[in-house]
Amino acid sequence: MTDIRAIHHVSMIISSTDKSLAFYQGRLGLETVERPDLPFPGIWLKIGDQQLHLLELPNPDPVDQRPEHGGRDRHLALSVRNLDVLATSLEGAGVGYTRSRSGRDALFCRDPDGNALEFIQQEK
């Protein structure tokens, strides 16, 4: 049996490092971490003890015709302290979102490249 203990990182494809940095760092407040010298642009971000790697590469997946509600698409789920603060920030930036349809205190939005993100309210 393996001894898997945690997710180290998740990688997602992006089209513009600058646009993604404005969203993930500027809007969501994530910190960048040092990235090795790779033959393509991108950024690595810190999320607690885990990381999110954003790779500026050609996207082999279609980004159109994805479900409006990100909960019906592949997505990255993140815990937040205050969902209402996040919702206000997204609204201020014109970023659309939908609330969870399961009744949980959560919302879904998409990053500038259509990647779905779920934000779940941490217990207060």
C-alpha atoms as a PDB file:
ATOM      1  CA  MET A   1       0.000   0.000   0.000  1.00  0.00           C
ATOM      2  CA  THR A   2       1.246   3.499  -0.794  1.00  0.00           C
ATOM      3  CA  ASP A   3       1.798   6.202   1.784  1.00  0.00           C
ATOM      4  CA  ILE A   4       0.124   9.121  -0.010  1.00  0.00           C
ATOM      5  CA  ARG A   5      -0.342  11.931   2.498  1.00  0.00           C
ATOM      6  CA  ALA A   6      -1.270  15.106   0.646  1.00  0.00           C
ATOM      7  CA  ILE A   7      -1.575  16.849  -2.685  1.00  0.00           C
ATOM      8  CA  HIS A   8       1.689  18.675  -3.370  1.00  0.00           C
ATOM      9  CA  HIS A   9       0.472  20.725  -6.321  1.00  0.00           C
ATOM     10  CA  VAL A  10      -2.064  21.014  -9.088  1.00  0.00           C
ATOM     11  CA  SER A  11      -1.075  22.269 -12.547  1.00  0.00           C
ATOM     12  CA  MET A  12      -3.382  24.143 -14.881  1.00  0.00           C
ATOM     13  CA  ILE A  13      -2.800  25.485 -18.370  1.00  0.00           C
ATOM     14  CA  ILE A  14      -3.089  29.223 -18.923  1.00  0.00           C
ATOM     15  CA  SER A  15      -2.790  31.471 -21.969  1.00  0.00           C
ATOM     16  CA  SER A  16      -1.244  34.545 -20.309  1.00  0.00           C
ATOM     17  CA  THR A  17       0.992  34.613 -17.251  1.00  0.00           C
ATOM     18  CA  ASP A  18       0.269  38.332 -16.779  1.00  0.00           C
ATOM     19  CA  LYS A  19      -3.522  37.907 -16.855  1.00  0.00           C
ATOM     20  CA  SER A  20      -3.356  34.901 -14.535  1.00  0.00           C
ATOM     21  CA  LEU A  21      -1.036  36.697 -12.125  1.00  0.00           C
ATOM     22  CA  ALA A  22      -3.483  39.612 -11.973  1.00  0.00           C
ATOM     23  CA  PHE A  23      -6.298  37.186 -11.117  1.00  0.00           C
ATOM     24  CA  TYR A  24      -4.596  34.716  -8.778  1.00  0.00           C
ATOM     25  CA  GLN A  25      -2.288  37.149  -6.990  1.00  0.00           C
ATOM     26  CA  GLY A  26      -4.106  40.448  -7.482  1.00  0.00           C
ATOM     27  CA  ARG A  27      -7.696  39.255  -6.984  1.00  0.00           C
ATOM     28  CA  LEU A  28      -7.278  36.101  -4.855  1.00  0.00           C
ATOM     29  CA  GLY A  29      -4.195  37.196  -2.922  1.00  0.00           C
ATOM     30  CA  LEU A  30      -2.042  34.108  -3.535  1.00  0.00           C
ATOM     31  CA  GLU A  31       1.726  34.413  -3.085  1.00  0.00           C
ATOM     32  CA  THR A  32       4.169  33.329  -5.765  1.00  0.00           C
ATOM     33  CA  VAL A  33       6.913  30.824  -5.007  1.00  0.00           C
ATOM     34  CA  GLU A  34      10.192  30.259  -6.777  1.00  0.00           C
ATOM     35  CA  ARG A  35       9.844  28.331 -10.008  1.00  0.00           C
ATOM     36  CA  PRO A  36      12.611  26.334 -11.694  1.00  0.00           C
ATOM     37  CA  ASP A  37      13.979  27.525 -15.018  1.00  0.00           C
ATOM     38  CA  LEU A  38      11.602  25.888 -17.479  1.00  0.00           C
ATOM     39  CA  PRO A  39      11.431  26.364 -21.263  1.00  0.00           C
ATOM     40  CA  PHE A  40       7.991  28.005 -21.072  1.00  0.00           C
ATOM     41  CA  PRO A  41       6.448  30.849 -19.035  1.00  0.00           C
ATOM     42  CA  GLY A  42       4.274  30.357 -15.997  1.00  0.00           C
ATOM     43  CA  ILE A  43       3.942  30.977 -12.276  1.00  0.00           C
ATOM     44  CA  TRP A  44       3.852  28.846  -9.166  1.00  0.00           C
ATOM     45  CA  LEU A  45       1.640  29.927  -6.297  1.00  0.00           C
ATOM     46  CA  LYS A  46       1.515  28.936  -2.645  1.00  0.00           C
ATOM     47  CA  ILE A  47      -1.750  27.690  -1.119  1.00  0.00           C
ATOM     48  CA  GLY A  48      -1.036  26.661   2.473  1.00  0.00           C
ATOM     49  CA  ASP A  49       1.422  23.758   2.271  1.00  0.00           C
ATOM     50  CA  GLN A  50       0.411  23.048  -1.324  1.00  0.00           C
ATOM     51  CA  GLN A  51       1.074  24.789  -4.621  1.00  0.00           C
ATOM     52  CA  LEU A  52      -0.765  25.733  -7.785  1.00  0.00           C
ATOM     53  CA  HIS A  53       1.377  25.636 -10.932  1.00  0.00           C
ATOM     54  CA  LEU A  54       0.116  27.715 -13.840  1.00  0.00           C
ATOM     55  CA  LEU A  55       1.718  26.685 -17.126  1.00  0.00           C
ATOM     56  CA  GLU A  56       1.570  29.003 -20.137  1.00  0.00           C
ATOM     57  CA  LEU A  57       1.315  26.364 -22.843  1.00  0.00           C
ATOM     58  CA  PRO A  58      -0.981  25.599 -25.773  1.00  0.00           C
ATOM     59  CA  ASN A  59      -4.206  24.172 -24.367  1.00  0.00           C
ATOM     60  CA  PRO A  60      -5.208  20.810 -25.889  1.00  0.00           C
ATOM     61  CA  ASP A  61      -8.673  21.010 -24.269  1.00  0.00           C
ATOM     62  CA  PRO A  62     -11.558  23.059 -25.636  1.00  0.00           C
ATOM     63  CA  VAL A  63     -12.449  25.989 -23.399  1.00  0.00           C
ATOM     64  CA  ASP A  64     -15.767  26.828 -24.997  1.00  0.00           C
ATOM     65  CA  GLN A  65     -19.039  25.036 -24.291  1.00  0.00           C
ATOM     66  CA  ARG A  66     -18.070  24.215 -20.721  1.00  0.00           C
ATOM     67  CA  PRO A  67     -20.941  24.159 -18.219  1.00  0.00           C
ATOM     68  CA  GLU A  68     -21.854  27.554 -16.775  1.00  0.00           C
ATOM     69  CA  HIS A  69     -21.766  26.099 -13.268  1.00  0.00           C
ATOM     70  CA  GLY A  70     -18.197  25.036 -12.459  1.00  0.00           C
ATOM     71  CA  GLY A  71     -19.437  22.261 -10.166  1.00  0.00           C
ATOM     72  CA  ARG A  72     -20.354  20.324 -13.295  1.00  0.00           C
ATOM     73  CA  ASP A  73     -16.852  20.632 -14.731  1.00  0.00           C
ATOM     74  CA  ARG A  74     -13.425  19.530 -13.557  1.00  0.00           C
ATOM     75  CA  HIS A  75     -12.322  22.038 -10.952  1.00  0.00           C
ATOM     76  CA  LEU A  76      -9.920  22.907  -8.170  1.00  0.00           C
ATOM     77  CA  ALA A  77     -11.564  23.351  -4.750  1.00  0.00           C
ATOM     78  CA  LEU A  78     -10.051  25.766  -2.233  1.00  0.00           C
ATOM     79  CA  SER A  79     -11.002  26.581   1.366  1.00  0.00           C
ATOM     80  CA  VAL A  80     -11.598  30.223   2.293  1.00  0.00           C
ATOM     81  CA  ARG A  81     -12.140  31.922   5.624  1.00  0.00           C
ATOM     82  CA  ASN A  82     -14.939  34.196   4.446  1.00  0.00           C
ATOM     83  CA  LEU A  83     -16.927  33.418   1.330  1.00  0.00           C
ATOM     84  CA  ASP A  84     -18.805  36.731   1.429  1.00  0.00           C
ATOM     85  CA  VAL A  85     -15.550  38.719   1.264  1.00  0.00           C
ATOM     86  CA  LEU A  86     -14.475  36.670  -1.752  1.00  0.00           C
ATOM     87  CA  ALA A  87     -17.871  37.115  -3.438  1.00  0.00           C
ATOM     88  CA  THR A  88     -17.658  40.891  -2.965  1.00  0.00           C
ATOM     89  CA  SER A  89     -14.149  40.915  -4.428  1.00  0.00           C
ATOM     90  CA  LEU A  90     -15.240  38.870  -7.456  1.00  0.00           C
ATOM     91  CA  GLU A  91     -18.271  41.111  -8.021  1.00  0.00           C
ATOM     92  CA  GLY A  92     -16.044  44.204  -7.835  1.00  0.00           C
ATOM     93  CA  ALA A  93     -13.845  42.760 -10.577  1.00  0.00           C
ATOM     94  CA  GLY A  94     -16.786  41.721 -12.751  1.00  0.00           C
ATOM     95  CA  VAL A  95     -16.012  38.020 -12.291  1.00  0.00           C
ATOM     96  CA  GLY A  96     -19.188  35.958 -12.492  1.00  0.00           C
ATOM     97  CA  TYR A  97     -19.833  33.136 -10.083  1.00  0.00           C
ATOM     98  CA  THR A  98     -22.541  30.700  -9.039  1.00  0.00           C
ATOM     99  CA  ARG A  99     -23.364  29.447  -5.578  1.00  0.00           C
ATOM    100  CA  SER A 100     -23.137  25.742  -4.807  1.00  0.00           C
ATOM    101  CA  ARG A 101     -26.250  23.843  -5.805  1.00  0.00           C
ATOM    102  CA  SER A 102     -25.705  21.269  -3.049  1.00  0.00           C
ATOM    103  CA  GLY A 103     -26.645  23.666  -0.269  1.00  0.00           C
ATOM    104  CA  ARG A 104     -23.063  23.938   0.994  1.00  0.00           C
ATOM    105  CA  ASP A 105     -21.590  27.369   1.668  1.00  0.00           C
ATOM    106  CA  ALA A 106     -19.515  27.431  -1.514  1.00  0.00           C
ATOM    107  CA  LEU A 107     -19.249  29.227  -4.833  1.00  0.00           C
ATOM    108  CA  PHE A 108     -17.774  28.518  -8.252  1.00  0.00           C
ATOM    109  CA  CYS A 109     -16.092  30.865 -10.709  1.00  0.00           C
ATOM    110  CA  ARG A 110     -13.715  30.602 -13.639  1.00  0.00           C
ATOM    111  CA  ASP A 111     -10.247  32.058 -14.035  1.00  0.00           C
ATOM    112  CA  PRO A 112      -9.319  34.115 -17.138  1.00  0.00           C
ATOM    113  CA  ASP A 113      -8.750  30.867 -19.081  1.00  0.00           C
ATOM    114  CA  GLY A 114     -12.028  29.192 -18.155  1.00  0.00           C
ATOM    115  CA  ASN A 115     -10.569  26.887 -15.492  1.00  0.00           C
ATOM    116  CA  ALA A 116     -13.257  26.219 -12.874  1.00  0.00           C
ATOM    117  CA  LEU A 117     -12.527  27.042  -9.227  1.00  0.00           C
ATOM    118  CA  GLU A 118     -14.611  26.146  -6.207  1.00  0.00           C
ATOM    119  CA  PHE A 119     -14.310  28.090  -2.956  1.00  0.00           C
ATOM    120  CA  ILE A 120     -15.662  26.447   0.181  1.00  0.00           C
ATOM    121  CA  GLN A 121     -16.386  28.370   3.369  1.00  0.00           C
ATOM    122  CA  GLN A 122     -14.163  27.133   6.195  1.00  0.00           C
ATOM    123  CA  GLU A 123     -16.004  26.534   9.412  1.00  0.00           C
ATOM    124  CA  LYS A 124     -16.022  29.759  11.394  1.00  0.00           C
END
